[in-house]
Amino acid sequence: MKHFTLKISLIFFILSSCNNENDKIEIYLTEKQIETKEGIPIEIAFKGNKSAEYTLERYKNKSVRYDTIKKDFVYFGKFKAEKKDLQKKPIIEDAEIIGYDLKNSLIYLSESGMKKISKLHLNEKDNYGRQFVVCINNKPYIFGYFVNELTSFWPNTYEIGFIPNVDRSTKNPKEKYDYIFTFGKKFRSLDSLNETELIKALKLSNRIIK
């Protein structure tokens, strides 16, 4: 009987360990920009239009397309990626993801995670974001862009945007950042209906903030 109980306990321990491993969440950068299929290249959309010379020059060599149906520019278009399209190491490791605030749509990162995002230089002029992929158990799941939230360009897909948050309570205020993680131009917060696997993984690791 004792041996039977020991075997059951061992099996339970192994299964629990496997479940913990399956909860790993990592964020990768794409190795190179993946072109969205939304809209058409602006060179084609405005071909022969002399009045659009400024527009063509402004977006030259940028990943900007034009939606001829909605008559609108596509700055951060939807895209898909496979694991082979990503950089070898994640920019944000599982341990650097502290939690996600459902009410305020904020993702909280460790100090090391925030420093790595700051090196993307998203506050530079004419920066149209960096593509990222959220992987769960090494499987690509969410596809979006790191962006400066102060930009006037709105995403068609997921974004992690940083918002300056200056603490002026001290004599030497330091600029900090909040990171908003939302979907689309209406900035929908992530939820268990649309982002089922991610929310589930965050809940299992006690990283959902309500």
N, C-alpha and C. Protein backbone atom coordinates (compact mmCIF):
# COMPACT_ATOMS: atom_id res chain seq x y z
N MET A 1 0.82 -1.21 0.00
CA MET A 1 0.00 0.00 0.00
C MET A 1 0.86 1.27 0.00
N LYS A 2 1.94 1.18 0.80
CA LYS A 2 2.84 2.33 0.89
C LYS A 2 3.49 2.60 -0.47
N HIS A 3 3.89 1.50 -1.15
CA HIS A 3 4.52 1.64 -2.46
C HIS A 3 3.55 2.23 -3.48
N PHE A 4 2.27 1.84 -3.36
CA PHE A 4 1.25 2.35 -4.27
C PHE A 4 1.06 3.85 -4.06
N THR A 5 0.98 4.25 -2.79
CA THR A 5 0.82 5.67 -2.45
C THR A 5 2.02 6.48 -2.93
N LEU A 6 3.21 5.90 -2.79
CA LEU A 6 4.44 6.58 -3.22
C LEU A 6 4.43 6.78 -4.73
N LYS A 7 3.96 5.76 -5.45
CA LYS A 7 3.91 5.86 -6.92
C LYS A 7 2.92 6.94 -7.36
N ILE A 8 1.77 6.98 -6.70
CA ILE A 8 0.76 7.99 -7.03
C ILE A 8 1.30 9.40 -6.78
N SER A 9 2.00 9.57 -5.67
CA SER A 9 2.58 10.87 -5.32
C SER A 9 3.63 11.29 -6.35
N LEU A 10 4.43 10.31 -6.78
CA LEU A 10 5.47 10.58 -7.76
C LEU A 10 4.87 11.01 -9.10
N ILE A 11 3.80 10.31 -9.50
CA ILE A 11 3.12 10.65 -10.76
C ILE A 11 2.53 12.05 -10.68
N PHE A 12 1.91 12.36 -9.53
CA PHE A 12 1.33 13.69 -9.34
C PHE A 12 2.39 14.78 -9.40
N PHE A 13 3.55 14.50 -8.81
CA PHE A 13 4.65 15.47 -8.82
C PHE A 13 5.14 15.72 -10.24
N ILE A 14 5.28 14.64 -11.02
CA ILE A 14 5.75 14.75 -12.40
C ILE A 14 4.76 15.55 -13.24
N LEU A 15 3.46 15.25 -13.08
CA LEU A 15 2.44 15.97 -13.83
C LEU A 15 2.41 17.45 -13.46
N SER A 16 2.59 17.74 -12.18
CA SER A 16 2.61 19.13 -11.73
C SER A 16 3.79 19.88 -12.31
N SER A 17 4.94 19.21 -12.37
CA SER A 17 6.14 19.82 -12.93
C SER A 17 5.94 20.12 -14.41
N CYS A 18 5.30 19.19 -15.11
CA CYS A 18 5.05 19.39 -16.54
C CYS A 18 4.14 20.58 -16.77
N ASN A 19 3.10 20.72 -15.91
CA ASN A 19 2.17 21.83 -16.05
C ASN A 19 2.87 23.16 -15.84
N ASN A 20 3.79 23.21 -14.88
CA ASN A 20 4.52 24.45 -14.63
C ASN A 20 5.36 24.83 -15.83
N GLU A 21 5.99 23.83 -16.48
CA GLU A 21 6.82 24.09 -17.64
C GLU A 21 5.96 24.62 -18.79
N ASN A 22 4.74 24.14 -18.88
CA ASN A 22 3.86 24.54 -19.97
C ASN A 22 3.35 25.97 -19.83
N ASP A 23 3.61 26.58 -18.69
CA ASP A 23 3.11 27.94 -18.47
C ASP A 23 4.12 29.02 -18.88
N LYS A 24 5.20 28.64 -19.51
CA LYS A 24 6.24 29.61 -19.84
C LYS A 24 5.78 30.59 -20.91
N ILE A 25 5.91 31.89 -20.61
CA ILE A 25 5.54 32.96 -21.54
C ILE A 25 6.80 33.77 -21.86
N GLU A 26 7.07 33.95 -23.13
CA GLU A 26 8.24 34.72 -23.55
C GLU A 26 7.85 35.64 -24.70
N ILE A 27 8.56 36.76 -24.81
CA ILE A 27 8.31 37.71 -25.90
C ILE A 27 9.56 37.83 -26.74
N TYR A 28 9.43 37.59 -28.02
CA TYR A 28 10.54 37.65 -28.96
C TYR A 28 10.38 38.80 -29.95
N LEU A 29 11.50 39.28 -30.45
CA LEU A 29 11.49 40.19 -31.59
C LEU A 29 11.59 39.33 -32.85
N THR A 30 11.03 39.80 -33.95
CA THR A 30 11.21 39.09 -35.21
C THR A 30 12.63 39.37 -35.71
N GLU A 31 13.20 38.42 -36.42
CA GLU A 31 14.55 38.57 -36.94
C GLU A 31 14.61 39.73 -37.93
N LYS A 32 13.57 39.87 -38.73
CA LYS A 32 13.45 41.00 -39.65
C LYS A 32 11.98 41.35 -39.78
N GLN A 33 11.70 42.53 -40.29
CA GLN A 33 10.32 42.99 -40.43
C GLN A 33 9.54 42.06 -41.36
N ILE A 34 8.38 41.61 -40.88
CA ILE A 34 7.51 40.75 -41.67
C ILE A 34 6.41 41.63 -42.27
N GLU A 35 6.31 41.60 -43.55
CA GLU A 35 5.36 42.49 -44.22
C GLU A 35 3.92 42.05 -43.97
N THR A 36 3.09 43.01 -43.64
CA THR A 36 1.67 42.73 -43.45
C THR A 36 0.99 42.56 -44.81
N LYS A 37 -0.09 41.83 -44.81
CA LYS A 37 -0.86 41.64 -46.04
C LYS A 37 -2.00 42.65 -46.14
N GLU A 38 -2.14 43.48 -45.10
CA GLU A 38 -3.21 44.48 -45.12
C GLU A 38 -2.84 45.61 -46.08
N GLY A 39 -3.80 46.04 -46.87
CA GLY A 39 -3.55 47.13 -47.79
C GLY A 39 -2.58 46.75 -48.90
N ILE A 40 -2.07 47.76 -49.60
CA ILE A 40 -1.10 47.56 -50.67
C ILE A 40 0.06 48.53 -50.45
N PRO A 41 1.22 48.26 -51.05
CA PRO A 41 2.36 49.18 -50.90
C PRO A 41 1.98 50.59 -51.36
N ILE A 42 2.45 51.60 -50.63
CA ILE A 42 2.08 52.98 -50.98
C ILE A 42 2.62 53.38 -52.35
N GLU A 43 3.71 52.75 -52.77
CA GLU A 43 4.26 53.07 -54.10
C GLU A 43 3.26 52.72 -55.19
N ILE A 44 2.48 51.67 -54.94
CA ILE A 44 1.46 51.26 -55.91
C ILE A 44 0.21 52.10 -55.74
N ALA A 45 -0.17 52.35 -54.49
CA ALA A 45 -1.39 53.10 -54.20
C ALA A 45 -1.34 54.52 -54.76
N PHE A 46 -0.16 55.14 -54.75
CA PHE A 46 -0.04 56.53 -55.18
C PHE A 46 0.81 56.68 -56.44
N LYS A 47 0.93 55.61 -57.18
CA LYS A 47 1.73 55.66 -58.40
C LYS A 47 1.16 56.68 -59.39
N GLY A 48 2.02 57.56 -59.88
CA GLY A 48 1.61 58.56 -60.85
C GLY A 48 0.91 59.77 -60.24
N ASN A 49 0.74 59.78 -58.93
CA ASN A 49 0.08 60.90 -58.24
C ASN A 49 1.14 61.90 -57.78
N LYS A 50 1.31 62.97 -58.53
CA LYS A 50 2.35 63.95 -58.22
C LYS A 50 2.11 64.67 -56.89
N SER A 51 0.85 64.82 -56.53
CA SER A 51 0.53 65.50 -55.28
C SER A 51 0.88 64.65 -54.05
N ALA A 52 1.23 63.38 -54.30
CA ALA A 52 1.56 62.49 -53.18
C ALA A 52 3.06 62.31 -53.01
N GLU A 53 3.85 63.15 -53.64
CA GLU A 53 5.31 63.02 -53.57
C GLU A 53 5.82 63.13 -52.13
N TYR A 54 5.24 64.05 -51.37
CA TYR A 54 5.66 64.21 -49.97
C TYR A 54 5.37 62.94 -49.17
N THR A 55 4.17 62.38 -49.38
CA THR A 55 3.77 61.16 -48.69
C THR A 55 4.71 60.01 -49.03
N LEU A 56 5.03 59.86 -50.30
CA LEU A 56 5.91 58.78 -50.74
C LEU A 56 7.31 58.94 -50.16
N GLU A 57 7.79 60.18 -50.08
CA GLU A 57 9.12 60.43 -49.54
C GLU A 57 9.14 60.19 -48.03
N ARG A 58 8.07 60.61 -47.36
CA ARG A 58 7.99 60.47 -45.91
C ARG A 58 8.02 59.00 -45.48
N TYR A 59 7.31 58.15 -46.23
CA TYR A 59 7.20 56.75 -45.86
C TYR A 59 8.15 55.86 -46.65
N LYS A 60 9.12 56.45 -47.28
CA LYS A 60 10.10 55.69 -48.05
C LYS A 60 10.87 54.74 -47.12
N ASN A 61 10.95 53.49 -47.51
CA ASN A 61 11.66 52.45 -46.73
C ASN A 61 11.02 52.19 -45.37
N LYS A 62 9.75 52.59 -45.21
CA LYS A 62 9.01 52.30 -43.99
C LYS A 62 7.99 51.21 -44.27
N SER A 63 7.62 50.48 -43.23
CA SER A 63 6.64 49.40 -43.40
C SER A 63 5.23 49.96 -43.31
N VAL A 64 4.93 50.86 -44.22
CA VAL A 64 3.61 51.50 -44.24
C VAL A 64 2.91 51.12 -45.54
N ARG A 65 1.63 50.73 -45.42
CA ARG A 65 0.85 50.37 -46.59
C ARG A 65 -0.43 51.20 -46.62
N TYR A 66 -1.23 51.02 -47.65
CA TYR A 66 -2.43 51.84 -47.79
C TYR A 66 -3.63 50.95 -48.08
N ASP A 67 -4.70 51.18 -47.31
CA ASP A 67 -5.95 50.44 -47.48
C ASP A 67 -6.82 51.22 -48.46
N THR A 68 -6.94 50.73 -49.68
CA THR A 68 -7.69 51.45 -50.71
C THR A 68 -9.20 51.41 -50.48
N ILE A 69 -9.67 50.49 -49.67
CA ILE A 69 -11.11 50.40 -49.38
C ILE A 69 -11.49 51.40 -48.29
N LYS A 70 -10.71 51.38 -47.19
CA LYS A 70 -10.99 52.30 -46.08
C LYS A 70 -10.36 53.67 -46.29
N LYS A 71 -9.53 53.79 -47.34
CA LYS A 71 -8.84 55.05 -47.63
C LYS A 71 -8.03 55.51 -46.42
N ASP A 72 -7.23 54.61 -45.93
CA ASP A 72 -6.47 54.92 -44.72
C ASP A 72 -5.12 54.21 -44.77
N PHE A 73 -4.13 54.80 -44.09
CA PHE A 73 -2.81 54.19 -44.03
C PHE A 73 -2.80 53.06 -43.01
N VAL A 74 -1.99 52.05 -43.28
CA VAL A 74 -1.81 50.93 -42.37
C VAL A 74 -0.39 51.02 -41.83
N TYR A 75 -0.26 51.45 -40.58
CA TYR A 75 1.07 51.64 -39.98
C TYR A 75 1.55 50.38 -39.27
N PHE A 76 0.67 49.77 -38.51
CA PHE A 76 1.01 48.56 -37.77
C PHE A 76 0.03 47.47 -38.17
N GLY A 77 0.27 46.85 -39.31
CA GLY A 77 -0.66 45.86 -39.84
C GLY A 77 -0.48 44.49 -39.23
N LYS A 78 -1.53 43.69 -39.31
CA LYS A 78 -1.48 42.33 -38.78
C LYS A 78 -0.49 41.48 -39.56
N PHE A 79 0.15 40.56 -38.86
CA PHE A 79 1.11 39.66 -39.50
C PHE A 79 1.16 38.36 -38.73
N LYS A 80 1.73 37.36 -39.33
CA LYS A 80 1.93 36.06 -38.69
C LYS A 80 3.41 35.70 -38.77
N ALA A 81 3.88 34.92 -37.81
CA ALA A 81 5.28 34.51 -37.80
C ALA A 81 5.40 33.10 -37.24
N GLU A 82 6.42 32.41 -37.68
CA GLU A 82 6.74 31.10 -37.14
C GLU A 82 7.97 31.23 -36.25
N LYS A 83 8.27 30.20 -35.51
CA LYS A 83 9.41 30.25 -34.57
C LYS A 83 10.71 30.55 -35.30
N LYS A 84 10.85 30.06 -36.52
CA LYS A 84 12.08 30.28 -37.28
C LYS A 84 12.25 31.75 -37.70
N ASP A 85 11.17 32.53 -37.62
CA ASP A 85 11.23 33.94 -38.00
C ASP A 85 11.67 34.83 -36.85
N LEU A 86 11.85 34.24 -35.67
CA LEU A 86 12.16 35.03 -34.47
C LEU A 86 13.64 34.99 -34.14
N GLN A 87 14.07 35.99 -33.36
CA GLN A 87 15.44 35.98 -32.87
C GLN A 87 15.63 34.79 -31.94
N LYS A 88 16.85 34.34 -31.80
CA LYS A 88 17.11 33.12 -31.05
C LYS A 88 16.76 33.25 -29.57
N LYS A 89 17.01 34.41 -29.00
CA LYS A 89 16.73 34.62 -27.58
C LYS A 89 15.58 35.61 -27.40
N PRO A 90 14.72 35.39 -26.41
CA PRO A 90 13.61 36.32 -26.18
C PRO A 90 14.11 37.67 -25.66
N ILE A 91 13.43 38.75 -26.03
CA ILE A 91 13.78 40.05 -25.47
C ILE A 91 13.22 40.16 -24.05
N ILE A 92 12.09 39.49 -23.81
CA ILE A 92 11.49 39.44 -22.47
C ILE A 92 11.32 37.98 -22.08
N GLU A 93 12.01 37.57 -21.03
CA GLU A 93 11.90 36.20 -20.56
C GLU A 93 10.71 36.04 -19.61
N ASP A 94 10.34 34.82 -19.38
CA ASP A 94 9.18 34.53 -18.54
C ASP A 94 9.30 35.19 -17.16
N ALA A 95 10.47 35.09 -16.57
CA ALA A 95 10.67 35.64 -15.22
C ALA A 95 10.59 37.17 -15.18
N GLU A 96 10.70 37.81 -16.35
CA GLU A 96 10.67 39.28 -16.40
C GLU A 96 9.25 39.82 -16.57
N ILE A 97 8.29 38.91 -16.77
CA ILE A 97 6.88 39.32 -16.86
C ILE A 97 6.27 39.19 -15.47
N ILE A 98 6.06 40.32 -14.82
CA ILE A 98 5.57 40.31 -13.44
C ILE A 98 4.06 40.09 -13.38
N GLY A 99 3.32 40.73 -14.27
CA GLY A 99 1.87 40.55 -14.25
C GLY A 99 1.16 41.39 -15.29
N TYR A 100 -0.16 41.15 -15.42
CA TYR A 100 -0.98 41.91 -16.36
C TYR A 100 -2.20 42.45 -15.63
N ASP A 101 -2.41 43.76 -15.74
CA ASP A 101 -3.52 44.45 -15.09
C ASP A 101 -4.70 44.48 -16.06
N LEU A 102 -5.71 43.67 -15.81
CA LEU A 102 -6.87 43.57 -16.71
C LEU A 102 -7.64 44.88 -16.81
N LYS A 103 -7.79 45.57 -15.70
CA LYS A 103 -8.58 46.80 -15.68
C LYS A 103 -7.92 47.93 -16.45
N ASN A 104 -6.63 48.08 -16.27
CA ASN A 104 -5.92 49.21 -16.89
C ASN A 104 -5.11 48.82 -18.13
N SER A 105 -5.19 47.56 -18.51
CA SER A 105 -4.51 47.06 -19.72
C SER A 105 -2.99 47.24 -19.65
N LEU A 106 -2.43 47.12 -18.46
CA LEU A 106 -0.99 47.33 -18.29
C LEU A 106 -0.27 46.01 -18.06
N ILE A 107 0.88 45.87 -18.71
CA ILE A 107 1.75 44.73 -18.45
C ILE A 107 2.92 45.23 -17.62
N TYR A 108 3.19 44.54 -16.52
CA TYR A 108 4.27 44.94 -15.62
C TYR A 108 5.49 44.07 -15.86
N LEU A 109 6.62 44.73 -16.07
CA LEU A 109 7.87 44.04 -16.36
C LEU A 109 8.90 44.33 -15.29
N SER A 110 9.88 43.47 -15.19
CA SER A 110 10.98 43.68 -14.25
C SER A 110 11.87 44.81 -14.77
N GLU A 111 12.77 45.25 -13.91
CA GLU A 111 13.70 46.32 -14.29
C GLU A 111 14.53 45.92 -15.50
N SER A 112 14.98 44.69 -15.53
CA SER A 112 15.80 44.23 -16.65
C SER A 112 14.99 44.19 -17.94
N GLY A 113 13.71 43.81 -17.84
CA GLY A 113 12.84 43.78 -19.02
C GLY A 113 12.62 45.17 -19.58
N MET A 114 12.38 46.14 -18.70
CA MET A 114 12.15 47.52 -19.14
C MET A 114 13.39 48.12 -19.80
N LYS A 115 14.56 47.77 -19.26
CA LYS A 115 15.80 48.28 -19.84
C LYS A 115 15.99 47.79 -21.26
N LYS A 116 15.64 46.53 -21.49
CA LYS A 116 15.80 45.96 -22.84
C LYS A 116 14.86 46.63 -23.84
N ILE A 117 13.65 46.95 -23.41
CA ILE A 117 12.72 47.64 -24.30
C ILE A 117 13.20 49.05 -24.60
N SER A 118 13.79 49.70 -23.60
CA SER A 118 14.28 51.08 -23.80
C SER A 118 15.37 51.13 -24.86
N LYS A 119 16.08 50.03 -25.05
CA LYS A 119 17.16 50.00 -26.03
C LYS A 119 16.64 49.87 -27.47
N LEU A 120 15.33 49.72 -27.61
CA LEU A 120 14.75 49.65 -28.96
C LEU A 120 14.62 51.04 -29.58
N HIS A 121 14.83 52.09 -28.76
CA HIS A 121 14.80 53.49 -29.23
C HIS A 121 13.47 53.82 -29.90
N LEU A 122 12.39 53.46 -29.25
CA LEU A 122 11.05 53.71 -29.81
C LEU A 122 10.65 55.17 -29.76
N ASN A 123 11.41 55.99 -29.02
CA ASN A 123 11.07 57.40 -28.94
C ASN A 123 11.73 58.24 -30.03
N GLU A 124 12.47 57.59 -30.91
CA GLU A 124 13.12 58.32 -31.98
C GLU A 124 12.11 58.73 -33.05
N LYS A 125 12.41 59.79 -33.76
CA LYS A 125 11.51 60.31 -34.79
C LYS A 125 11.31 59.27 -35.90
N ASP A 126 10.06 59.18 -36.35
CA ASP A 126 9.69 58.28 -37.45
C ASP A 126 9.99 56.81 -37.17
N ASN A 127 9.90 56.44 -35.90
CA ASN A 127 10.05 55.02 -35.57
C ASN A 127 8.68 54.37 -35.64
N TYR A 128 8.54 53.39 -36.50
CA TYR A 128 7.24 52.77 -36.72
C TYR A 128 7.11 51.43 -35.99
N GLY A 129 7.78 51.33 -34.86
CA GLY A 129 7.61 50.17 -34.02
C GLY A 129 8.49 48.99 -34.39
N ARG A 130 8.58 48.04 -33.45
CA ARG A 130 9.30 46.79 -33.67
C ARG A 130 8.34 45.63 -33.46
N GLN A 131 8.36 44.73 -34.38
CA GLN A 131 7.46 43.58 -34.28
C GLN A 131 7.89 42.63 -33.15
N PHE A 132 6.90 42.15 -32.42
CA PHE A 132 7.17 41.16 -31.37
C PHE A 132 6.20 40.00 -31.52
N VAL A 133 6.57 38.89 -30.91
CA VAL A 133 5.71 37.70 -30.89
C VAL A 133 5.72 37.14 -29.48
N VAL A 134 4.54 36.99 -28.91
CA VAL A 134 4.41 36.33 -27.61
C VAL A 134 4.32 34.83 -27.84
N CYS A 135 5.23 34.10 -27.23
CA CYS A 135 5.24 32.64 -27.35
C CYS A 135 4.81 32.01 -26.03
N ILE A 136 3.97 31.00 -26.13
CA ILE A 136 3.58 30.22 -24.96
C ILE A 136 4.06 28.79 -25.20
N ASN A 137 4.92 28.32 -24.31
CA ASN A 137 5.54 27.00 -24.49
C ASN A 137 6.29 26.92 -25.82
N ASN A 138 6.97 28.01 -26.17
CA ASN A 138 7.77 28.10 -27.40
C ASN A 138 6.93 28.14 -28.68
N LYS A 139 5.63 28.29 -28.54
CA LYS A 139 4.75 28.34 -29.71
C LYS A 139 4.25 29.77 -29.92
N PRO A 140 4.48 30.36 -31.12
CA PRO A 140 4.00 31.72 -31.40
C PRO A 140 2.48 31.82 -31.20
N TYR A 141 2.06 32.84 -30.45
CA TYR A 141 0.65 32.94 -30.11
C TYR A 141 0.05 34.31 -30.42
N ILE A 142 0.75 35.38 -30.03
CA ILE A 142 0.27 36.74 -30.28
C ILE A 142 1.32 37.50 -31.07
N PHE A 143 0.86 38.29 -32.05
CA PHE A 143 1.76 39.00 -32.96
C PHE A 143 1.44 40.50 -32.91
N GLY A 144 2.44 41.31 -32.59
CA GLY A 144 2.16 42.74 -32.44
C GLY A 144 3.40 43.59 -32.58
N TYR A 145 3.32 44.80 -32.02
CA TYR A 145 4.38 45.79 -32.17
C TYR A 145 4.70 46.48 -30.84
N PHE A 146 5.98 46.67 -30.57
CA PHE A 146 6.40 47.58 -29.52
C PHE A 146 6.34 48.97 -30.13
N VAL A 147 5.62 49.90 -29.48
CA VAL A 147 5.50 51.25 -30.03
C VAL A 147 5.60 52.30 -28.92
N ASN A 148 5.87 53.51 -29.35
CA ASN A 148 5.79 54.66 -28.45
C ASN A 148 4.33 55.08 -28.43
N GLU A 149 3.70 55.05 -27.27
CA GLU A 149 2.27 55.33 -27.18
C GLU A 149 1.94 56.78 -27.54
N LEU A 150 2.94 57.65 -27.58
CA LEU A 150 2.69 59.04 -27.93
C LEU A 150 2.64 59.26 -29.44
N THR A 151 2.88 58.20 -30.20
CA THR A 151 2.81 58.32 -31.64
C THR A 151 1.38 58.59 -32.08
N SER A 152 1.22 59.22 -33.23
CA SER A 152 -0.11 59.51 -33.76
C SER A 152 -0.62 58.38 -34.65
N PHE A 153 0.17 57.30 -34.75
CA PHE A 153 -0.21 56.18 -35.60
C PHE A 153 -0.82 55.07 -34.74
N TRP A 154 -2.00 54.64 -35.11
CA TRP A 154 -2.72 53.63 -34.33
C TRP A 154 -2.57 52.26 -34.96
N PRO A 155 -2.52 51.23 -34.13
CA PRO A 155 -2.29 49.86 -34.62
C PRO A 155 -3.57 49.19 -35.11
N ASN A 156 -3.42 48.24 -36.01
CA ASN A 156 -4.53 47.39 -36.43
C ASN A 156 -4.51 46.07 -35.67
N THR A 157 -3.51 45.90 -34.84
CA THR A 157 -3.33 44.61 -34.15
C THR A 157 -2.85 44.85 -32.72
N TYR A 158 -2.12 43.89 -32.15
CA TYR A 158 -1.65 44.01 -30.78
C TYR A 158 -0.49 45.00 -30.68
N GLU A 159 -0.41 45.66 -29.55
CA GLU A 159 0.72 46.55 -29.30
C GLU A 159 1.09 46.54 -27.83
N ILE A 160 2.37 46.70 -27.59
CA ILE A 160 2.86 47.00 -26.25
C ILE A 160 3.48 48.38 -26.38
N GLY A 161 2.78 49.37 -25.84
CA GLY A 161 3.24 50.75 -25.99
C GLY A 161 3.67 51.33 -24.66
N PHE A 162 4.76 52.10 -24.68
CA PHE A 162 5.19 52.68 -23.41
C PHE A 162 4.68 54.10 -23.28
N ILE A 163 4.24 54.42 -22.06
CA ILE A 163 3.70 55.74 -21.73
C ILE A 163 4.57 56.37 -20.65
N PRO A 164 5.14 57.56 -20.91
CA PRO A 164 5.93 58.24 -19.87
C PRO A 164 5.10 58.47 -18.61
N ASN A 165 5.67 58.15 -17.48
CA ASN A 165 4.98 58.33 -16.20
C ASN A 165 5.99 58.95 -15.23
N VAL A 166 5.96 60.27 -15.15
CA VAL A 166 6.96 61.01 -14.37
C VAL A 166 6.52 61.15 -12.92
N ASP A 167 7.36 60.68 -12.02
CA ASP A 167 7.09 60.81 -10.59
C ASP A 167 7.66 62.14 -10.11
N ARG A 168 6.79 63.11 -9.85
CA ARG A 168 7.23 64.45 -9.43
C ARG A 168 7.15 64.65 -7.92
N SER A 169 7.03 63.57 -7.20
CA SER A 169 6.92 63.67 -5.74
C SER A 169 8.27 63.90 -5.08
N THR A 170 9.34 63.73 -5.85
CA THR A 170 10.68 63.94 -5.30
C THR A 170 11.30 65.20 -5.90
N LYS A 171 12.40 65.65 -5.31
CA LYS A 171 13.07 66.85 -5.80
C LYS A 171 13.70 66.62 -7.17
N ASN A 172 14.12 65.40 -7.40
CA ASN A 172 14.71 65.05 -8.70
C ASN A 172 13.84 64.01 -9.40
N PRO A 173 12.75 64.47 -10.03
CA PRO A 173 11.83 63.53 -10.67
C PRO A 173 12.49 62.72 -11.77
N LYS A 174 12.19 61.43 -11.77
CA LYS A 174 12.73 60.55 -12.79
C LYS A 174 11.60 60.07 -13.69
N GLU A 175 11.89 59.99 -14.97
CA GLU A 175 10.88 59.55 -15.91
C GLU A 175 10.82 58.02 -15.92
N LYS A 176 9.67 57.51 -15.63
CA LYS A 176 9.44 56.07 -15.69
C LYS A 176 8.42 55.79 -16.79
N TYR A 177 8.16 54.52 -17.02
CA TYR A 177 7.23 54.18 -18.09
C TYR A 177 6.24 53.12 -17.64
N ASP A 178 5.01 53.29 -18.10
CA ASP A 178 4.01 52.24 -17.98
C ASP A 178 3.92 51.58 -19.35
N TYR A 179 3.60 50.31 -19.37
CA TYR A 179 3.51 49.58 -20.64
C TYR A 179 2.10 49.06 -20.84
N ILE A 180 1.42 49.61 -21.83
CA ILE A 180 0.05 49.21 -22.13
C ILE A 180 0.07 48.09 -23.16
N PHE A 181 -0.70 47.04 -22.92
CA PHE A 181 -0.74 45.88 -23.81
C PHE A 181 -2.19 45.70 -24.26
N THR A 182 -2.51 46.11 -25.50
CA THR A 182 -3.89 46.11 -25.97
C THR A 182 -3.98 45.59 -27.40
N PHE A 183 -5.22 45.55 -27.91
CA PHE A 183 -5.45 45.12 -29.29
C PHE A 183 -6.26 46.17 -30.04
N GLY A 184 -5.76 46.53 -31.24
CA GLY A 184 -6.53 47.34 -32.17
C GLY A 184 -6.64 48.81 -31.85
N LYS A 185 -7.30 49.52 -32.76
CA LYS A 185 -7.41 50.98 -32.66
C LYS A 185 -8.29 51.45 -31.51
N LYS A 186 -9.11 50.54 -30.98
CA LYS A 186 -9.94 50.89 -29.83
C LYS A 186 -9.26 50.49 -28.52
N PHE A 187 -8.04 49.98 -28.63
CA PHE A 187 -7.23 49.63 -27.46
C PHE A 187 -7.97 48.69 -26.51
N ARG A 188 -8.46 47.59 -27.07
CA ARG A 188 -9.16 46.61 -26.25
C ARG A 188 -8.18 45.88 -25.32
N SER A 189 -8.58 45.75 -24.08
CA SER A 189 -7.75 45.03 -23.11
C SER A 189 -7.78 43.54 -23.42
N LEU A 190 -6.73 42.84 -23.07
CA LEU A 190 -6.70 41.40 -23.28
C LEU A 190 -7.73 40.73 -22.37
N ASP A 191 -8.33 39.64 -22.86
CA ASP A 191 -9.33 38.95 -22.05
C ASP A 191 -9.29 37.45 -22.33
N SER A 192 -9.99 36.70 -21.49
CA SER A 192 -9.97 35.24 -21.58
C SER A 192 -10.74 34.71 -22.78
N LEU A 193 -11.57 35.55 -23.40
CA LEU A 193 -12.33 35.11 -24.57
C LEU A 193 -11.48 35.16 -25.84
N ASN A 194 -10.72 36.24 -26.00
CA ASN A 194 -9.93 36.44 -27.21
C ASN A 194 -8.49 35.96 -27.08
N GLU A 195 -7.94 36.06 -25.90
CA GLU A 195 -6.55 35.64 -25.65
C GLU A 195 -6.53 34.52 -24.62
N THR A 196 -7.29 33.49 -24.90
CA THR A 196 -7.55 32.42 -23.93
C THR A 196 -6.28 31.82 -23.34
N GLU A 197 -5.35 31.39 -24.19
CA GLU A 197 -4.16 30.69 -23.72
C GLU A 197 -3.24 31.59 -22.90
N LEU A 198 -3.12 32.85 -23.32
CA LEU A 198 -2.23 33.77 -22.59
C LEU A 198 -2.81 34.08 -21.21
N ILE A 199 -4.09 34.40 -21.15
CA ILE A 199 -4.72 34.70 -19.86
C ILE A 199 -4.67 33.48 -18.94
N LYS A 200 -4.87 32.31 -19.52
CA LYS A 200 -4.81 31.07 -18.73
C LYS A 200 -3.42 30.88 -18.14
N ALA A 201 -2.39 31.09 -18.96
CA ALA A 201 -1.02 30.93 -18.48
C ALA A 201 -0.69 31.95 -17.40
N LEU A 202 -1.19 33.17 -17.55
CA LEU A 202 -0.95 34.20 -16.54
C LEU A 202 -1.67 33.87 -15.24
N LYS A 203 -2.88 33.34 -15.35
CA LYS A 203 -3.64 32.98 -14.15
C LYS A 203 -2.98 31.84 -13.40
N LEU A 204 -2.51 30.82 -14.13
CA LEU A 204 -1.89 29.67 -13.49
C LEU A 204 -0.61 30.04 -12.75
N SER A 205 0.02 31.11 -13.21
CA SER A 205 1.26 31.56 -12.54
C SER A 205 1.01 32.76 -11.64
N ASN A 206 -0.28 33.01 -11.34
CA ASN A 206 -0.68 34.09 -10.41
C ASN A 206 -0.15 35.45 -10.86
N ARG A 207 -0.28 35.74 -12.16
CA ARG A 207 0.20 37.03 -12.64
C ARG A 207 -0.91 37.90 -13.24
N ILE A 208 -2.16 37.63 -12.87
CA ILE A 208 -3.27 38.48 -13.29
C ILE A 208 -3.57 39.46 -12.15
N ILE A 209 -3.60 40.74 -12.51
CA ILE A 209 -3.90 41.79 -11.54
C ILE A 209 -5.28 42.34 -11.86
N LYS A 210 -6.20 42.26 -10.91
CA LYS A 210 -7.57 42.74 -11.14
C LYS A 210 -7.83 44.06 -10.45
